[in-house]
N, C-alpha and C. Protein backbone atom coordinates (compact mmCIF):
# COMPACT_ATOMS: atom_id res chain seq x y z
N MET A 1 -35.21 9.93 -46.92
CA MET A 1 -36.06 9.49 -45.84
C MET A 1 -35.50 8.23 -45.18
N PHE A 2 -35.07 7.28 -46.03
CA PHE A 2 -34.52 6.04 -45.50
C PHE A 2 -33.30 6.30 -44.63
N SER A 3 -32.39 7.20 -45.09
CA SER A 3 -31.17 7.46 -44.33
C SER A 3 -31.48 8.14 -43.00
N LYS A 4 -32.50 9.01 -42.96
CA LYS A 4 -32.88 9.65 -41.69
C LYS A 4 -33.43 8.62 -40.72
N THR A 5 -34.22 7.68 -41.23
CA THR A 5 -34.77 6.63 -40.39
C THR A 5 -33.66 5.74 -39.86
N LEU A 6 -32.73 5.38 -40.72
CA LEU A 6 -31.60 4.55 -40.31
C LEU A 6 -30.76 5.27 -39.27
N LEU A 7 -30.50 6.55 -39.48
CA LEU A 7 -29.72 7.34 -38.54
C LEU A 7 -30.42 7.41 -37.18
N ALA A 8 -31.72 7.65 -37.18
CA ALA A 8 -32.48 7.72 -35.93
C ALA A 8 -32.46 6.37 -35.22
N PHE A 9 -32.63 5.28 -35.98
CA PHE A 9 -32.59 3.94 -35.39
C PHE A 9 -31.23 3.66 -34.78
N SER A 10 -30.16 4.04 -35.47
CA SER A 10 -28.80 3.83 -34.97
C SER A 10 -28.58 4.58 -33.66
N ALA A 11 -29.09 5.79 -33.57
CA ALA A 11 -28.94 6.59 -32.35
C ALA A 11 -29.67 5.93 -31.18
N VAL A 12 -30.86 5.40 -31.43
CA VAL A 12 -31.63 4.75 -30.38
C VAL A 12 -30.93 3.47 -29.92
N VAL A 13 -30.47 2.67 -30.87
CA VAL A 13 -29.78 1.43 -30.53
C VAL A 13 -28.50 1.74 -29.77
N GLY A 14 -27.73 2.72 -30.21
CA GLY A 14 -26.49 3.08 -29.54
C GLY A 14 -26.72 3.55 -28.12
N SER A 15 -27.73 4.39 -27.91
CA SER A 15 -28.00 4.87 -26.56
C SER A 15 -28.55 3.75 -25.69
N ALA A 16 -29.31 2.83 -26.27
CA ALA A 16 -29.83 1.70 -25.51
C ALA A 16 -28.68 0.81 -25.06
N PHE A 17 -27.68 0.61 -25.93
CA PHE A 17 -26.54 -0.20 -25.54
C PHE A 17 -25.78 0.46 -24.41
N ALA A 18 -25.53 1.76 -24.53
CA ALA A 18 -24.81 2.48 -23.49
C ALA A 18 -25.58 2.45 -22.18
N GLN A 19 -26.91 2.50 -22.24
CA GLN A 19 -27.71 2.45 -21.02
C GLN A 19 -27.63 1.06 -20.38
N GLY A 20 -27.30 0.04 -21.16
CA GLY A 20 -27.17 -1.31 -20.63
C GLY A 20 -25.84 -1.54 -19.94
N CYS A 21 -24.95 -0.57 -20.00
CA CYS A 21 -23.64 -0.68 -19.37
C CYS A 21 -23.71 -0.18 -17.94
N ALA A 22 -23.16 -0.94 -17.02
CA ALA A 22 -23.07 -0.50 -15.63
C ALA A 22 -22.07 0.65 -15.55
N GLU A 23 -22.33 1.60 -14.68
CA GLU A 23 -21.44 2.76 -14.54
C GLU A 23 -20.02 2.32 -14.19
N ALA A 24 -19.86 1.24 -13.44
CA ALA A 24 -18.54 0.75 -13.07
C ALA A 24 -17.74 0.29 -14.29
N GLN A 25 -18.41 -0.01 -15.39
CA GLN A 25 -17.73 -0.48 -16.60
C GLN A 25 -17.11 0.66 -17.41
N ARG A 26 -17.25 1.90 -16.95
CA ARG A 26 -16.73 3.03 -17.73
C ARG A 26 -15.21 2.99 -17.85
N PHE A 27 -14.54 2.25 -16.96
CA PHE A 27 -13.09 2.13 -17.05
C PHE A 27 -12.66 0.73 -17.46
N GLY A 28 -13.60 -0.12 -17.84
CA GLY A 28 -13.28 -1.45 -18.34
C GLY A 28 -13.67 -2.55 -17.38
N GLY A 29 -13.70 -3.73 -17.91
CA GLY A 29 -13.94 -4.94 -17.13
C GLY A 29 -12.79 -5.90 -17.37
N LEU A 30 -12.50 -6.75 -16.41
CA LEU A 30 -11.33 -7.61 -16.51
C LEU A 30 -11.67 -9.03 -16.10
N THR A 31 -11.19 -9.98 -16.91
CA THR A 31 -11.28 -11.40 -16.60
C THR A 31 -9.87 -11.93 -16.46
N ILE A 32 -9.62 -12.68 -15.40
CA ILE A 32 -8.29 -13.22 -15.12
C ILE A 32 -8.42 -14.73 -15.04
N SER A 33 -7.55 -15.44 -15.79
CA SER A 33 -7.63 -16.89 -15.82
C SER A 33 -6.23 -17.48 -15.89
N PRO A 34 -5.91 -18.47 -15.10
CA PRO A 34 -6.76 -19.14 -14.12
C PRO A 34 -6.79 -18.37 -12.80
N GLN A 35 -7.73 -18.74 -11.97
CA GLN A 35 -7.82 -18.25 -10.60
C GLN A 35 -7.75 -19.47 -9.70
N PRO A 36 -6.91 -19.54 -8.72
CA PRO A 36 -5.95 -18.53 -8.32
C PRO A 36 -4.78 -18.46 -9.30
N ILE A 37 -4.06 -17.35 -9.23
CA ILE A 37 -2.85 -17.17 -10.02
C ILE A 37 -1.77 -18.04 -9.39
N VAL A 38 -1.13 -18.87 -10.22
CA VAL A 38 -0.03 -19.71 -9.74
C VAL A 38 1.26 -19.07 -10.24
N LEU A 39 2.11 -18.66 -9.31
CA LEU A 39 3.37 -18.00 -9.67
C LEU A 39 4.21 -18.91 -10.56
N GLY A 40 4.77 -18.34 -11.61
CA GLY A 40 5.59 -19.08 -12.55
C GLY A 40 4.81 -19.67 -13.71
N GLN A 41 3.49 -19.67 -13.63
CA GLN A 41 2.66 -20.18 -14.72
C GLN A 41 1.97 -19.03 -15.43
N GLU A 42 1.62 -19.25 -16.69
CA GLU A 42 0.99 -18.20 -17.49
C GLU A 42 -0.40 -17.85 -16.95
N VAL A 43 -0.67 -16.56 -16.97
CA VAL A 43 -1.97 -16.02 -16.57
C VAL A 43 -2.48 -15.20 -17.75
N THR A 44 -3.73 -15.40 -18.13
CA THR A 44 -4.32 -14.65 -19.23
C THR A 44 -5.24 -13.57 -18.68
N PHE A 45 -5.05 -12.37 -19.20
CA PHE A 45 -5.86 -11.21 -18.83
C PHE A 45 -6.66 -10.80 -20.06
N VAL A 46 -7.96 -10.65 -19.89
CA VAL A 46 -8.83 -10.17 -20.96
C VAL A 46 -9.57 -8.95 -20.42
N ALA A 47 -9.23 -7.79 -20.96
CA ALA A 47 -9.89 -6.54 -20.56
C ALA A 47 -10.90 -6.16 -21.63
N ASN A 48 -12.10 -5.84 -21.20
CA ASN A 48 -13.17 -5.49 -22.11
C ASN A 48 -13.52 -4.01 -21.91
N PHE A 49 -13.30 -3.21 -22.95
CA PHE A 49 -13.56 -1.78 -22.91
C PHE A 49 -14.75 -1.38 -23.78
N THR A 50 -15.59 -2.34 -24.15
CA THR A 50 -16.73 -2.05 -25.01
C THR A 50 -17.64 -1.00 -24.38
N CYS A 51 -18.00 -1.19 -23.12
CA CYS A 51 -18.86 -0.20 -22.45
C CYS A 51 -18.11 1.12 -22.26
N ALA A 52 -16.83 1.06 -21.93
CA ALA A 52 -16.04 2.29 -21.76
C ALA A 52 -16.09 3.13 -23.03
N ILE A 53 -15.95 2.48 -24.17
CA ILE A 53 -15.99 3.19 -25.45
C ILE A 53 -17.39 3.76 -25.68
N GLU A 54 -18.42 2.95 -25.44
CA GLU A 54 -19.80 3.41 -25.63
C GLU A 54 -20.15 4.58 -24.71
N LEU A 55 -19.56 4.61 -23.50
CA LEU A 55 -19.84 5.67 -22.54
C LEU A 55 -18.95 6.89 -22.72
N GLY A 56 -18.04 6.84 -23.72
CA GLY A 56 -17.19 7.99 -24.00
C GLY A 56 -15.86 8.00 -23.27
N TYR A 57 -15.43 6.84 -22.75
CA TYR A 57 -14.17 6.73 -22.03
C TYR A 57 -13.20 5.80 -22.76
N ALA A 58 -13.08 5.95 -24.06
CA ALA A 58 -12.20 5.08 -24.85
C ALA A 58 -10.77 5.21 -24.33
N PRO A 59 -10.13 4.11 -23.95
CA PRO A 59 -8.78 4.21 -23.39
C PRO A 59 -7.74 4.57 -24.44
N VAL A 60 -6.84 5.47 -24.06
CA VAL A 60 -5.68 5.79 -24.88
C VAL A 60 -4.61 4.74 -24.59
N TYR A 61 -4.41 4.45 -23.32
CA TYR A 61 -3.57 3.34 -22.91
C TYR A 61 -4.06 2.81 -21.58
N THR A 62 -3.59 1.61 -21.23
CA THR A 62 -4.03 0.96 -20.00
C THR A 62 -2.81 0.47 -19.23
N ASP A 63 -2.95 0.46 -17.92
CA ASP A 63 -1.89 -0.02 -17.03
C ASP A 63 -2.46 -1.11 -16.13
N TYR A 64 -1.65 -2.13 -15.90
CA TYR A 64 -2.05 -3.26 -15.07
C TYR A 64 -1.03 -3.39 -13.94
N THR A 65 -1.53 -3.41 -12.70
CA THR A 65 -0.66 -3.43 -11.53
C THR A 65 -1.19 -4.46 -10.54
N LEU A 66 -0.27 -5.21 -9.94
CA LEU A 66 -0.61 -6.15 -8.88
C LEU A 66 -0.21 -5.47 -7.57
N VAL A 67 -1.16 -5.30 -6.65
CA VAL A 67 -0.88 -4.58 -5.40
C VAL A 67 -1.41 -5.35 -4.20
N VAL A 68 -0.78 -5.09 -3.06
CA VAL A 68 -1.32 -5.52 -1.78
C VAL A 68 -2.15 -4.34 -1.29
N PRO A 69 -3.44 -4.51 -1.03
CA PRO A 69 -4.27 -3.38 -0.58
C PRO A 69 -3.68 -2.71 0.66
N ALA A 70 -3.87 -1.41 0.77
CA ALA A 70 -3.30 -0.63 1.87
C ALA A 70 -3.68 -1.20 3.23
N SER A 71 -4.88 -1.71 3.37
CA SER A 71 -5.33 -2.25 4.66
C SER A 71 -4.55 -3.49 5.09
N ASN A 72 -3.89 -4.16 4.14
CA ASN A 72 -3.13 -5.37 4.44
C ASN A 72 -1.63 -5.22 4.20
N ASN A 73 -1.21 -4.06 3.75
CA ASN A 73 0.19 -3.86 3.36
C ASN A 73 1.00 -3.43 4.57
N SER A 74 2.12 -4.11 4.78
CA SER A 74 3.00 -3.78 5.90
C SER A 74 3.84 -2.54 5.62
N GLY A 75 3.72 -2.01 4.41
CA GLY A 75 4.54 -0.87 4.02
C GLY A 75 5.77 -1.28 3.24
N PHE A 76 6.00 -2.59 3.15
CA PHE A 76 7.18 -3.09 2.45
C PHE A 76 6.82 -3.91 1.22
N GLN A 77 5.58 -3.85 0.80
CA GLN A 77 5.13 -4.63 -0.35
C GLN A 77 4.78 -3.67 -1.48
N PRO A 78 5.76 -3.40 -2.35
CA PRO A 78 5.53 -2.44 -3.43
C PRO A 78 4.62 -3.02 -4.51
N PRO A 79 3.97 -2.14 -5.28
CA PRO A 79 3.16 -2.62 -6.41
C PRO A 79 4.04 -3.31 -7.45
N VAL A 80 3.48 -4.29 -8.13
CA VAL A 80 4.15 -4.96 -9.24
C VAL A 80 3.44 -4.48 -10.51
N TYR A 81 4.12 -3.60 -11.23
CA TYR A 81 3.57 -3.01 -12.45
C TYR A 81 3.92 -3.96 -13.59
N PHE A 82 2.93 -4.67 -14.14
CA PHE A 82 3.27 -5.73 -15.08
C PHE A 82 2.87 -5.50 -16.53
N ALA A 83 2.15 -4.44 -16.84
CA ALA A 83 1.85 -4.18 -18.25
C ALA A 83 1.35 -2.75 -18.45
N ARG A 84 1.82 -2.14 -19.53
CA ARG A 84 1.24 -0.90 -20.07
C ARG A 84 0.97 -1.21 -21.53
N ARG A 85 -0.26 -0.97 -21.94
CA ARG A 85 -0.66 -1.32 -23.30
C ARG A 85 -1.45 -0.18 -23.92
N ASP A 86 -1.36 -0.09 -25.24
CA ASP A 86 -2.18 0.89 -25.96
C ASP A 86 -3.64 0.48 -25.86
N GLY A 87 -4.51 1.48 -25.82
CA GLY A 87 -5.94 1.20 -25.79
C GLY A 87 -6.34 0.42 -27.03
N PRO A 88 -7.07 -0.67 -26.88
CA PRO A 88 -7.43 -1.50 -28.04
C PRO A 88 -8.54 -0.85 -28.86
N SER A 89 -8.33 -0.74 -30.15
CA SER A 89 -9.36 -0.16 -31.02
C SER A 89 -10.59 -1.07 -31.10
N SER A 90 -10.38 -2.37 -30.91
CA SER A 90 -11.49 -3.32 -30.97
C SER A 90 -12.32 -3.32 -29.69
N GLY A 91 -11.77 -2.75 -28.62
CA GLY A 91 -12.46 -2.76 -27.33
C GLY A 91 -12.06 -3.91 -26.44
N ILE A 92 -11.31 -4.87 -26.98
CA ILE A 92 -10.88 -6.04 -26.20
C ILE A 92 -9.36 -6.11 -26.21
N ASP A 93 -8.77 -6.28 -25.04
CA ASP A 93 -7.31 -6.40 -24.90
C ASP A 93 -7.02 -7.72 -24.21
N THR A 94 -6.28 -8.59 -24.88
CA THR A 94 -5.94 -9.90 -24.33
C THR A 94 -4.43 -10.08 -24.34
N PHE A 95 -3.88 -10.52 -23.22
CA PHE A 95 -2.44 -10.79 -23.16
C PHE A 95 -2.17 -11.79 -22.04
N THR A 96 -0.97 -12.35 -22.07
CA THR A 96 -0.57 -13.37 -21.11
C THR A 96 0.74 -12.98 -20.46
N VAL A 97 0.85 -13.20 -19.15
CA VAL A 97 2.10 -12.97 -18.42
C VAL A 97 2.30 -14.12 -17.44
N ALA A 98 3.52 -14.23 -16.94
CA ALA A 98 3.83 -15.15 -15.84
C ALA A 98 4.58 -14.34 -14.79
N PHE A 99 4.18 -14.46 -13.54
CA PHE A 99 4.83 -13.73 -12.45
C PHE A 99 5.98 -14.56 -11.89
N ASP A 100 7.10 -13.90 -11.64
CA ASP A 100 8.31 -14.55 -11.15
C ASP A 100 8.10 -15.08 -9.74
N PRO A 101 8.14 -16.40 -9.55
CA PRO A 101 7.91 -16.95 -8.22
C PRO A 101 9.04 -16.66 -7.23
N THR A 102 10.20 -16.21 -7.74
CA THR A 102 11.32 -15.92 -6.85
C THR A 102 11.39 -14.45 -6.45
N TYR A 103 10.46 -13.63 -6.94
CA TYR A 103 10.44 -12.21 -6.57
C TYR A 103 10.29 -12.11 -5.06
N TYR A 104 11.13 -11.28 -4.44
CA TYR A 104 11.22 -11.26 -2.97
C TYR A 104 9.89 -10.99 -2.27
N ALA A 105 9.05 -10.14 -2.83
CA ALA A 105 7.77 -9.85 -2.16
C ALA A 105 6.87 -11.08 -2.11
N PHE A 106 6.96 -11.95 -3.12
CA PHE A 106 6.14 -13.16 -3.12
C PHE A 106 6.69 -14.18 -2.13
N THR A 107 8.01 -14.24 -1.97
CA THR A 107 8.60 -15.22 -1.06
C THR A 107 8.62 -14.73 0.38
N THR A 108 8.81 -13.42 0.59
CA THR A 108 8.85 -12.86 1.94
C THR A 108 7.47 -12.78 2.56
N TYR A 109 6.46 -12.50 1.74
CA TYR A 109 5.08 -12.35 2.21
C TYR A 109 4.16 -13.32 1.47
N PRO A 110 4.35 -14.63 1.69
CA PRO A 110 3.60 -15.61 0.89
C PRO A 110 2.09 -15.60 1.13
N ASP A 111 1.64 -15.07 2.25
CA ASP A 111 0.21 -15.08 2.55
C ASP A 111 -0.48 -13.75 2.29
N ALA A 112 0.21 -12.84 1.61
CA ALA A 112 -0.37 -11.52 1.34
C ALA A 112 -1.59 -11.63 0.44
N GLN A 113 -2.53 -10.73 0.65
CA GLN A 113 -3.70 -10.63 -0.23
C GLN A 113 -3.35 -9.65 -1.34
N TYR A 114 -3.87 -9.90 -2.54
CA TYR A 114 -3.53 -9.06 -3.69
C TYR A 114 -4.78 -8.60 -4.43
N GLU A 115 -4.58 -7.52 -5.17
CA GLU A 115 -5.57 -7.02 -6.12
C GLU A 115 -4.86 -6.70 -7.42
N VAL A 116 -5.56 -6.89 -8.52
CA VAL A 116 -5.08 -6.39 -9.80
C VAL A 116 -5.83 -5.09 -10.04
N ILE A 117 -5.07 -4.02 -10.29
CA ILE A 117 -5.65 -2.71 -10.59
C ILE A 117 -5.54 -2.49 -12.10
N LEU A 118 -6.67 -2.28 -12.74
CA LEU A 118 -6.71 -1.93 -14.16
C LEU A 118 -6.96 -0.43 -14.23
N SER A 119 -5.97 0.32 -14.69
CA SER A 119 -6.09 1.77 -14.83
C SER A 119 -6.22 2.10 -16.31
N SER A 120 -7.24 2.86 -16.63
CA SER A 120 -7.53 3.22 -18.02
C SER A 120 -7.38 4.73 -18.17
N THR A 121 -6.49 5.15 -19.07
CA THR A 121 -6.29 6.57 -19.33
C THR A 121 -7.06 6.94 -20.59
N HIS A 122 -7.94 7.93 -20.46
CA HIS A 122 -8.73 8.38 -21.60
C HIS A 122 -8.56 9.88 -21.79
N ALA A 123 -8.86 10.35 -22.98
CA ALA A 123 -8.75 11.78 -23.30
C ALA A 123 -10.08 12.46 -23.01
N ALA A 124 -10.03 13.43 -22.09
CA ALA A 124 -11.22 14.22 -21.77
C ALA A 124 -11.11 15.54 -22.53
N GLN A 125 -12.08 15.82 -23.38
CA GLN A 125 -12.07 17.02 -24.22
C GLN A 125 -12.81 18.15 -23.53
N ASN A 126 -12.21 19.35 -23.56
CA ASN A 126 -12.82 20.54 -22.97
C ASN A 126 -12.68 21.68 -23.96
N ASP A 127 -13.76 22.40 -24.24
CA ASP A 127 -13.71 23.49 -25.21
C ASP A 127 -12.75 24.59 -24.81
N SER A 128 -12.61 24.85 -23.53
CA SER A 128 -11.74 25.94 -23.06
C SER A 128 -10.28 25.54 -22.97
N TYR A 129 -10.01 24.29 -22.59
CA TYR A 129 -8.64 23.90 -22.29
C TYR A 129 -8.09 22.79 -23.18
N GLY A 130 -8.87 22.28 -24.09
CA GLY A 130 -8.38 21.24 -24.99
C GLY A 130 -8.50 19.86 -24.37
N VAL A 131 -7.50 19.04 -24.63
CA VAL A 131 -7.52 17.65 -24.19
C VAL A 131 -6.73 17.49 -22.89
N THR A 132 -7.33 16.79 -21.96
CA THR A 132 -6.68 16.43 -20.70
C THR A 132 -6.73 14.91 -20.59
N LEU A 133 -5.62 14.30 -20.20
CA LEU A 133 -5.63 12.86 -19.97
C LEU A 133 -6.11 12.61 -18.55
N ALA A 134 -7.14 11.78 -18.43
CA ALA A 134 -7.72 11.45 -17.13
C ALA A 134 -7.62 9.94 -16.92
N VAL A 135 -7.44 9.52 -15.67
CA VAL A 135 -7.27 8.11 -15.36
C VAL A 135 -8.38 7.64 -14.43
N GLY A 136 -8.94 6.49 -14.74
CA GLY A 136 -9.90 5.83 -13.87
C GLY A 136 -9.44 4.41 -13.66
N SER A 137 -9.76 3.84 -12.52
CA SER A 137 -9.28 2.49 -12.19
C SER A 137 -10.39 1.62 -11.65
N VAL A 138 -10.22 0.34 -11.85
CA VAL A 138 -11.07 -0.67 -11.22
C VAL A 138 -10.14 -1.73 -10.64
N SER A 139 -10.55 -2.35 -9.54
CA SER A 139 -9.69 -3.35 -8.90
C SER A 139 -10.41 -4.68 -8.80
N TYR A 140 -9.62 -5.73 -8.82
CA TYR A 140 -10.13 -7.10 -8.77
C TYR A 140 -9.29 -7.89 -7.78
N GLY A 141 -9.92 -8.46 -6.76
CA GLY A 141 -9.21 -9.29 -5.81
C GLY A 141 -8.76 -10.59 -6.47
N VAL A 142 -7.53 -10.99 -6.18
CA VAL A 142 -7.00 -12.24 -6.73
C VAL A 142 -6.27 -13.01 -5.63
N SER A 143 -6.21 -14.30 -5.80
CA SER A 143 -5.42 -15.16 -4.92
C SER A 143 -4.18 -15.59 -5.66
N ILE A 144 -3.08 -15.65 -4.94
CA ILE A 144 -1.81 -16.05 -5.54
C ILE A 144 -1.24 -17.21 -4.73
N THR A 145 -0.78 -18.24 -5.45
CA THR A 145 -0.16 -19.38 -4.78
C THR A 145 1.18 -19.68 -5.43
N GLN A 146 2.06 -20.30 -4.67
CA GLN A 146 3.34 -20.74 -5.20
C GLN A 146 3.12 -22.04 -5.97
N GLU A 147 3.94 -22.22 -7.00
CA GLU A 147 3.87 -23.45 -7.79
C GLU A 147 4.54 -24.56 -6.99
N PHE A 148 3.87 -25.69 -6.90
CA PHE A 148 4.44 -26.84 -6.19
C PHE A 148 4.71 -27.95 -7.19
N ASP A 149 5.88 -28.54 -7.07
CA ASP A 149 6.27 -29.62 -8.00
C ASP A 149 5.63 -30.93 -7.64
């Protein structure tokens, strides 16, 4: 009797937690520090996949890309793909990078607007076809400045 009660309570608590997650969080949430990003200095990225896992979208791996949005891109500003990481079993992924201030896109287009795209690849299970890898993304606007001495 006790185990059935505990199991029922766990199911209610688990579904309540998942209901507390915004639908947009199904592919993860991202915190970037510091803001604005200063080229040449370390930037810390903290991706939180707790809701993604609770909603059934546990990431197999994640990709992080710095892009100029299409509406502002002259066609000559390629994406900067800066990390591919395994999906964190803990639900939290933390890492640090520094962007090269001499990269031509940063020097040629110093006033460009940027977004960080967090793409999360998860395994979608289907009884008829097995496992399919599906990708969902969320974007975050960021400001980038050159380092001044």
